[in-house]
Amino acid sequence: MLIERTSREVIIRLPASVDTTGLQRLVDYLVYKEATANSKATQEQVDKLASEVKKGWWKKNRKRFIK
């Protein structure tokens, strides 16, 4: 593994043999960290939003699971 920092970015080089499933999880986490880096939301606000999204999803998809 090689990690290189330039003035604009950090470059991580990995061998092709690295497990892509684990690597995708790491990339997803890094995307999340980048997207939320400047967020001022509290955990309570995040939890409330997640609950509302889940309720909306369930209303839309309920018929797919319960017949």
Protein backbone atom coordinates (compact mmCIF):
# COMPACT_ATOMS: atom_id res chain seq x y z
CA MET A 1 0.00 0.00 0.00
CA LEU A 2 1.20 3.47 -0.84
CA ILE A 3 -0.32 6.71 0.48
CA GLU A 4 0.65 9.93 -1.26
CA ARG A 5 -0.47 13.46 -0.39
CA THR A 6 -0.48 16.18 -3.03
CA SER A 7 -1.56 19.78 -2.59
CA ARG A 8 -5.08 18.85 -3.76
CA GLU A 9 -5.72 15.24 -2.71
CA VAL A 10 -4.62 12.08 -0.95
CA ILE A 11 -3.90 9.14 -3.24
CA ILE A 12 -4.03 5.59 -1.90
CA ARG A 13 -2.61 2.82 -4.08
CA LEU A 14 -3.50 -0.78 -3.29
CA PRO A 15 -2.60 -4.05 -4.96
CA ALA A 16 -5.25 -5.52 -7.27
CA SER A 17 -5.58 -8.49 -4.91
CA VAL A 18 -7.34 -6.41 -2.22
CA ASP A 19 -10.86 -7.62 -1.33
CA THR A 20 -13.24 -5.29 -3.18
CA THR A 21 -16.14 -5.81 -0.77
CA GLY A 22 -14.16 -4.52 2.18
CA LEU A 23 -12.68 -1.79 0.04
CA GLN A 24 -16.15 -0.64 -1.06
CA ARG A 25 -17.23 -0.40 2.59
CA LEU A 26 -14.20 1.74 3.33
CA VAL A 27 -14.91 4.00 0.34
CA ASP A 28 -18.57 4.33 1.40
CA TYR A 29 -17.43 5.40 4.88
CA LEU A 30 -15.01 7.95 3.43
CA VAL A 31 -17.75 9.37 1.18
CA TYR A 32 -19.99 9.66 4.26
CA LYS A 33 -17.24 11.44 6.22
CA GLU A 34 -16.67 13.87 3.36
CA ALA A 35 -20.40 14.57 2.95
CA THR A 36 -20.97 15.19 6.66
CA ALA A 37 -17.73 17.01 7.49
CA ASN A 38 -19.38 20.43 7.73
CA SER A 39 -22.74 19.31 9.10
CA LYS A 40 -24.09 21.11 12.14
CA ALA A 41 -26.91 18.59 12.66
CA THR A 42 -27.22 16.98 16.07
CA GLN A 43 -27.52 13.23 16.50
CA GLU A 44 -31.13 13.76 17.61
CA GLN A 45 -31.92 15.59 14.35
CA VAL A 46 -30.25 12.85 12.31
CA ASP A 47 -32.19 10.15 14.17
CA LYS A 48 -35.49 11.97 13.59
CA LEU A 49 -34.79 12.35 9.88
CA ALA A 50 -33.82 8.68 9.58
CA SER A 51 -37.06 7.67 11.31
CA GLU A 52 -39.13 9.82 8.93
CA VAL A 53 -37.37 8.37 5.90
CA LYS A 54 -37.94 4.81 7.13
CA LYS A 55 -41.64 5.49 7.68
CA GLY A 56 -42.01 6.90 4.18
CA TRP A 57 -40.13 3.97 2.69
CA TRP A 58 -42.30 1.48 4.56
CA LYS A 59 -45.51 3.15 3.35
CA LYS A 60 -44.26 2.93 -0.24
CA ASN A 61 -42.99 -0.64 -0.06
CA ARG A 62 -45.23 -2.34 2.47
CA LYS A 63 -47.27 -4.17 -0.19
CA ARG A 64 -44.12 -5.81 -1.51
CA PHE A 65 -43.60 -7.58 1.82
CA ILE A 66 -47.07 -8.05 3.29
CA LYS A 67 -49.75 -9.54 1.10
